Amino acid sequence: MDWQCTGLRWPEGSDGPALGWRKGARTRASVLVYGTEFGFRASGERRCSGARGNACPLGAVVPATSTGGRCPECGRLDRAHSVAADTIPDDPRTYRVYLAWFGPGLVKVGITGEERGAARLREQGAVVFSWLGRGPLMAARRAEEVLRAALGVPDRIPYARKREVRAGLPDPAERAGELAELYGKAAALEGAGWPEALERLPFAAVDHAGVFRLGVGEGRTMARPGPVRAVAGLVDGGAVAGRLVAAAGPDLHLDAGPQGLVIVDTRLMPGWTLAAAGAGAAGVSVPTVVVGGGAAQDGLF
C-alpha cells in the first residue's frame, strides 16, 4: 500500500502549510518551505480517499476534477459528521463565530471549534479575519443566521472567486478597515435576535497575507507578467514541478519558470499515487485553466 495524500493543512502555531499523508492507520505530514523546489508525478487511477479516517470499502475510482476526492457514499458519510450538518446539537464543545475577508467586497461569516484556533481560517484562504463571538454550537449557528438575514453576509463563497481576487489585494489598512466596518454593523445587532449564550469578542484583525506570502508588500506573487494558471486535474504520468512561492487555503503557488505562475489546488491530490517528479523535472504537464476564465488544455500550456 502506498502513502495517500490527504490534502493541505495549516496547523495552529505553524508558519506555513503541511501536506498530510496516510497509509492504512498511519499518518504523517510533510512541512512545506517557501522558496524550495516542489514537485510530484501522478500514476494509475484516482481512488476514493475514504471518510472519517477510514479507507473506502469499494476503492472507487473518482473524477480527476473532483475537489472532494470521495465517492458518493464516502462523501455522504463525511458530511454527516461535519459541524455544518448540525447532527450533534448537544455538542459540549465551545465554538467561535468569525468574519473572514478574502478580497474587496468578499466577506463571509462562519463558525469553528475553539480548540482549532485559526487553522480553519487559513484552510479557507481567509486573508484577514476577526473573531465575533464564542459559545455553544447552536448559539454560534444562530448568530451566523442572524448575520445572513440582517446584513446579507454569506456563509459560503465559491472558492474560484476567492482565488481570483487575490491578484489585486489592497493594503493591510484598507482590508482591515473593510472588515472593521462589517464588525461594527454586526455588533449593532445585539439585542435584535443575537443569542444571549454567545459571548461577544472584541474586534481584532488578524492578517494572513504574510503567512500566505500574498499581497502588496509580501512578495507580489500574483503580479507576474502573463496569465496565472491553475491545475484543473491530475492525469496518469502527469507531473507538476516548480518553486513554491506562496500558499493560501488549499492552493500552492508554484513558479514554473517559463510557464509562469501555476496554482495547484491540493484538493485534487488525494486518491492519487504520487511519486517524486524526478531529477531535473520542471513545469507542468497536466491540464490547466486560466484563473478567472479560459479552457482546460491538454499537457503543457
Protein backbone atom coordinates (compact mmCIF):
# COMPACT_ATOMS: atom_id res chain seq x y z
CA MET A 1 0.00 0.00 0.00
CA ASP A 2 1.33 3.45 -0.99
CA TRP A 3 1.10 6.64 1.03
CA GLN A 4 -2.01 8.61 0.01
CA CYS A 5 -2.07 12.39 0.15
CA THR A 6 -4.85 13.69 2.42
CA GLY A 7 -4.54 17.35 1.44
CA LEU A 8 -3.04 20.57 2.76
CA ARG A 9 -3.20 21.51 6.44
CA TRP A 10 -2.39 24.72 8.30
CA PRO A 11 -1.50 23.59 11.85
CA GLU A 12 -2.12 26.11 14.63
CA GLY A 13 1.11 27.88 15.58
CA SER A 14 2.76 26.97 12.28
CA ASP A 15 4.44 29.49 9.96
CA GLY A 16 3.38 27.57 6.88
CA PRO A 17 1.37 24.67 5.47
CA ALA A 18 1.96 20.93 5.54
CA LEU A 19 0.81 18.12 3.28
CA GLY A 20 -0.89 15.24 5.08
CA TRP A 21 -0.33 11.58 4.18
CA ARG A 22 -1.96 8.31 5.19
CA LYS A 23 -1.05 4.65 4.77
CA GLY A 24 -3.63 2.44 6.44
CA ALA A 25 -3.85 3.66 10.05
CA ARG A 26 -0.53 5.52 9.85
CA THR A 27 -0.37 9.25 9.19
CA ARG A 28 2.40 11.78 8.71
CA ALA A 29 2.91 15.33 7.47
CA SER A 30 5.39 16.98 5.13
CA VAL A 31 6.12 20.59 6.12
CA LEU A 32 6.44 22.84 3.05
CA VAL A 33 9.01 25.64 2.91
CA TYR A 34 8.67 28.72 0.71
CA GLY A 35 11.46 29.16 -1.80
CA THR A 36 12.17 25.44 -2.17
CA GLU A 37 11.50 23.15 -5.12
CA PHE A 38 8.24 21.21 -5.03
CA GLY A 39 7.14 18.52 -7.44
CA PHE A 40 5.36 15.21 -7.92
CA ARG A 41 4.17 12.82 -10.61
CA ALA A 42 0.79 11.01 -10.52
CA SER A 43 0.31 7.42 -11.59
CA GLY A 44 -2.53 4.97 -12.05
CA GLU A 45 -6.12 5.92 -11.31
CA ARG A 46 -7.50 8.25 -8.69
CA ARG A 47 -9.25 6.26 -5.96
CA CYS A 48 -11.69 7.46 -3.29
CA SER A 49 -9.84 8.80 -0.24
CA GLY A 50 -12.45 7.40 2.19
CA ALA A 51 -14.14 9.18 5.09
CA ARG A 52 -13.51 9.92 8.75
CA GLY A 53 -10.07 8.32 8.61
CA ASN A 54 -11.34 5.08 7.09
CA ALA A 55 -10.48 3.69 3.67
CA CYS A 56 -13.21 3.46 1.04
CA PRO A 57 -14.55 -0.13 1.17
CA LEU A 58 -15.09 -0.09 -2.60
CA GLY A 59 -11.81 1.52 -3.59
CA ALA A 60 -13.97 3.50 -6.01
CA VAL A 61 -12.47 5.49 -8.89
CA VAL A 62 -13.28 9.20 -8.60
CA PRO A 63 -13.06 12.01 -11.21
CA ALA A 64 -9.74 13.82 -11.56
CA THR A 65 -11.54 17.16 -11.29
CA SER A 66 -13.33 16.41 -8.01
CA THR A 67 -12.15 18.63 -5.15
CA GLY A 68 -13.72 16.25 -2.64
CA GLY A 69 -11.81 13.18 -3.76
CA ARG A 70 -14.55 10.88 -2.43
CA CYS A 71 -17.14 8.57 -3.92
CA PRO A 72 -20.82 9.48 -3.25
CA GLU A 73 -21.14 7.07 -0.28
CA CYS A 74 -17.98 8.27 1.48
CA GLY A 75 -18.93 11.85 0.71
CA ARG A 76 -22.27 11.42 2.47
CA LEU A 77 -20.60 9.79 5.47
CA ASP A 78 -18.08 12.59 5.79
CA ARG A 79 -20.73 15.34 5.56
CA ALA A 80 -22.98 13.58 8.08
CA HIS A 81 -20.34 14.07 10.78
CA SER A 82 -19.38 17.65 9.92
CA VAL A 83 -20.23 20.68 12.04
CA ALA A 84 -22.13 22.15 9.08
CA ALA A 85 -24.56 19.22 9.15
CA ASP A 86 -25.79 20.12 12.66
CA THR A 87 -26.18 16.44 13.52
CA ILE A 88 -24.96 16.90 17.12
CA PRO A 89 -26.98 19.82 18.56
CA ASP A 90 -25.87 18.98 22.13
CA ASP A 91 -22.16 19.16 21.22
CA PRO A 92 -20.49 20.25 24.51
CA ARG A 93 -17.54 21.99 22.86
CA THR A 94 -17.12 25.76 22.61
CA TYR A 95 -17.35 27.30 19.15
CA ARG A 96 -16.27 30.64 17.75
CA VAL A 97 -18.04 32.83 15.21
CA TYR A 98 -15.79 34.72 12.82
CA LEU A 99 -15.89 37.24 9.99
CA ALA A 100 -13.45 36.41 7.18
CA TRP A 101 -12.26 38.75 4.39
CA PHE A 102 -10.96 37.26 1.13
CA GLY A 103 -10.80 40.34 -1.07
CA PRO A 104 -12.63 43.63 -1.76
CA GLY A 105 -16.34 43.08 -1.09
CA LEU A 106 -15.79 39.42 -0.36
CA VAL A 107 -16.60 38.68 3.30
CA LYS A 108 -18.27 35.68 4.94
CA VAL A 109 -19.42 34.59 8.38
CA GLY A 110 -18.63 31.15 9.78
CA ILE A 111 -18.01 29.06 12.87
CA THR A 112 -15.17 26.82 14.00
CA GLY A 113 -14.29 24.81 17.07
CA GLU A 114 -12.41 26.94 19.59
CA GLU A 115 -9.74 24.27 20.06
CA ARG A 116 -8.80 24.61 16.39
CA GLY A 117 -7.76 28.23 16.78
CA ALA A 118 -7.37 29.98 13.42
CA ALA A 119 -6.47 26.84 11.45
CA ARG A 120 -9.90 26.76 9.79
CA LEU A 121 -9.44 30.34 8.56
CA ARG A 122 -6.09 29.54 6.95
CA GLU A 123 -7.56 26.39 5.37
CA GLN A 124 -10.24 28.55 3.72
CA GLY A 125 -7.70 31.08 2.48
CA ALA A 126 -9.01 33.98 4.58
CA VAL A 127 -6.63 36.91 4.05
CA VAL A 128 -7.97 38.75 7.13
CA PHE A 129 -10.35 37.67 9.86
CA SER A 130 -11.69 38.69 13.25
CA TRP A 131 -13.48 36.71 15.91
CA LEU A 132 -17.01 37.88 16.61
CA GLY A 133 -18.20 35.69 19.49
CA ARG A 134 -17.81 32.40 21.35
CA GLY A 135 -20.26 29.98 22.93
CA PRO A 136 -22.26 26.75 22.39
CA LEU A 137 -22.70 25.34 18.90
CA MET A 138 -26.36 26.24 18.48
CA ALA A 139 -25.80 29.81 19.73
CA ALA A 140 -22.94 30.19 17.25
CA ARG A 141 -25.15 28.82 14.49
CA ARG A 142 -27.94 31.24 15.46
CA ALA A 143 -25.53 34.20 15.22
CA GLU A 144 -24.50 33.01 11.77
CA GLU A 145 -28.14 33.00 10.69
CA VAL A 146 -28.76 36.48 12.14
CA LEU A 147 -25.88 37.96 10.15
CA ARG A 148 -27.00 36.28 6.94
CA ALA A 149 -30.55 37.56 7.32
CA ALA A 150 -29.86 41.07 8.68
CA LEU A 151 -26.69 42.02 6.81
CA GLY A 152 -26.72 39.73 3.80
CA VAL A 153 -23.37 38.20 4.78
CA PRO A 154 -22.99 34.75 3.16
CA ASP A 155 -21.67 31.70 4.98
CA ARG A 156 -20.11 30.33 1.79
CA ILE A 157 -18.13 31.83 -1.09
CA PRO A 158 -17.19 29.88 -4.23
CA TYR A 159 -13.52 29.04 -3.99
CA ALA A 160 -12.79 30.12 -7.57
CA ARG A 161 -13.90 33.63 -6.62
CA LYS A 162 -11.56 33.70 -3.62
CA ARG A 163 -8.68 32.73 -5.89
CA GLU A 164 -9.47 35.42 -8.47
CA VAL A 165 -9.47 38.35 -6.05
CA ARG A 166 -6.01 37.55 -4.65
CA ALA A 167 -4.49 39.11 -7.78
CA GLY A 168 -5.19 42.63 -6.55
CA LEU A 169 -5.24 42.89 -2.76
CA PRO A 170 -5.39 46.40 -1.25
CA ASP A 171 -3.01 47.42 1.53
CA PRO A 172 -3.39 45.95 5.05
CA ALA A 173 -5.10 49.04 6.48
CA GLU A 174 -7.78 49.04 3.78
CA ARG A 175 -8.60 45.34 4.11
CA ALA A 176 -8.75 45.56 7.91
CA GLY A 177 -10.92 48.66 7.60
CA GLU A 178 -13.49 46.87 5.45
CA LEU A 179 -13.69 44.05 7.97
CA ALA A 180 -13.96 46.51 10.90
CA GLU A 181 -16.91 48.22 9.22
CA LEU A 182 -18.77 44.95 8.92
CA TYR A 183 -17.90 44.02 12.50
CA GLY A 184 -19.45 47.30 13.65
CA LYS A 185 -22.68 46.50 11.83
CA ALA A 186 -22.72 43.03 13.35
CA ALA A 187 -22.14 44.41 16.85
CA ALA A 188 -25.07 46.80 16.40
CA LEU A 189 -27.37 43.79 16.04
CA GLU A 190 -27.00 42.83 19.70
CA GLY A 191 -30.48 42.65 21.17
CA ALA A 192 -32.03 42.06 17.73
CA GLY A 193 -32.02 38.29 17.70
CA TRP A 194 -28.43 37.95 18.87
CA PRO A 195 -28.22 34.79 21.05
CA GLU A 196 -27.72 35.54 24.75
CA ALA A 197 -25.50 32.46 25.18
CA LEU A 198 -22.91 33.86 22.77
CA GLU A 199 -20.15 35.93 24.36
CA ARG A 200 -19.16 38.94 22.26
CA LEU A 201 -15.44 39.11 21.40
CA PRO A 202 -13.68 42.42 20.60
CA PHE A 203 -12.60 43.29 17.08
CA ALA A 204 -9.01 42.28 16.33
CA ALA A 205 -7.99 41.90 12.69
CA VAL A 206 -5.61 39.01 12.03
CA ASP A 207 -3.89 39.35 8.64
CA HIS A 208 -2.64 36.17 6.95
CA ALA A 209 -1.07 37.80 3.87
CA GLY A 210 2.40 37.44 5.36
CA VAL A 211 1.83 33.80 6.27
CA PHE A 212 0.47 33.13 2.77
CA ARG A 213 3.17 35.29 1.08
CA LEU A 214 0.48 37.20 -0.81
CA GLY A 215 -0.39 40.80 -1.49
CA VAL A 216 1.18 44.23 -1.53
CA GLY A 217 4.50 44.26 0.29
CA GLU A 218 4.59 40.49 0.80
CA GLY A 219 6.14 39.34 -2.46
CA ARG A 220 3.52 40.29 -5.08
CA THR A 221 3.31 36.64 -6.08
CA MET A 222 0.17 37.15 -8.16
CA ALA A 223 1.59 40.11 -10.11
CA ARG A 224 3.87 38.26 -12.54
CA PRO A 225 3.59 39.05 -16.28
CA GLY A 226 1.25 36.78 -18.21
CA PRO A 227 -1.82 34.86 -17.10
CA VAL A 228 -1.90 32.89 -13.87
CA ARG A 229 -2.99 29.31 -14.44
CA ALA A 230 -4.41 26.68 -12.14
CA VAL A 231 -4.15 22.91 -12.39
CA ALA A 232 -7.56 21.53 -13.44
CA GLY A 233 -6.84 17.90 -12.56
CA LEU A 234 -4.08 15.32 -12.49
CA VAL A 235 -3.54 12.58 -15.05
CA ASP A 236 -1.64 9.30 -15.11
CA GLY A 237 2.01 10.17 -15.71
CA GLY A 238 1.41 13.91 -15.41
CA ALA A 239 3.96 15.94 -13.46
CA VAL A 240 3.84 19.18 -11.52
CA ALA A 241 7.10 20.89 -10.55
CA GLY A 242 8.26 24.36 -9.61
CA ARG A 243 9.46 26.59 -6.81
CA LEU A 244 6.96 27.16 -4.00
CA VAL A 245 6.46 30.92 -3.69
CA ALA A 246 3.14 31.18 -1.82
CA ALA A 247 0.21 29.21 -0.44
CA ALA A 248 -3.32 30.14 0.58
CA GLY A 249 -6.13 27.87 1.69
CA PRO A 250 -5.69 24.62 -0.27
CA ASP A 251 -3.66 26.33 -3.00
CA LEU A 252 0.08 26.07 -3.60
CA HIS A 253 1.56 28.77 -5.86
CA LEU A 254 4.48 27.50 -7.92
CA ASP A 255 6.91 29.45 -10.06
CA ALA A 256 7.10 27.10 -13.05
CA GLY A 257 9.80 29.02 -14.89
CA PRO A 258 8.85 29.94 -18.46
CA GLN A 259 5.31 28.71 -17.81
CA GLY A 260 4.83 31.40 -15.21
CA LEU A 261 2.84 31.12 -12.00
CA VAL A 262 0.86 27.89 -11.62
CA ILE A 263 -1.61 27.26 -8.80
CA VAL A 264 -2.03 23.70 -7.54
CA ASP A 265 -5.29 23.06 -5.68
CA THR A 266 -4.21 20.31 -3.27
CA ARG A 267 -7.83 19.12 -3.01
CA LEU A 268 -7.18 17.49 -6.40
CA MET A 269 -4.33 15.36 -4.99
CA PRO A 270 -5.99 12.93 -2.52
CA GLY A 271 -6.59 9.50 -4.00
CA TRP A 272 -3.68 9.55 -6.42
CA THR A 273 -0.48 7.54 -6.06
CA LEU A 274 2.16 10.28 -6.06
CA ALA A 275 5.89 9.95 -6.56
CA ALA A 276 8.74 12.45 -6.76
CA ALA A 277 8.71 14.35 -10.04
CA GLY A 278 12.27 13.20 -10.70
CA ALA A 279 15.61 14.94 -11.02
CA GLY A 280 15.50 17.91 -13.34
CA ALA A 281 11.70 17.91 -13.61
CA ALA A 282 10.31 21.35 -14.32
CA GLY A 283 6.95 22.79 -15.24
CA VAL A 284 3.50 21.26 -15.52
CA SER A 285 2.29 18.51 -17.85
CA VAL A 286 -1.32 18.23 -16.64
CA PRO A 287 -4.45 20.14 -17.77
CA THR A 288 -4.69 23.76 -16.60
CA VAL A 289 -7.14 26.66 -16.73
CA VAL A 290 -6.57 30.39 -16.71
CA VAL A 291 -7.55 31.86 -13.33
CA GLY A 292 -10.69 33.88 -13.96
CA GLY A 293 -11.64 32.04 -17.14
CA GLY A 294 -10.30 30.03 -20.04
CA ALA A 295 -10.49 26.42 -21.10
CA ALA A 296 -8.58 23.41 -19.91
CA GLN A 297 -5.64 22.38 -22.02
CA ASP A 298 -4.06 19.00 -22.51
CA GLY A 299 -0.44 18.70 -21.43
CA LEU A 300 1.92 21.62 -21.27
CA PHE A 301 0.50 25.06 -21.93
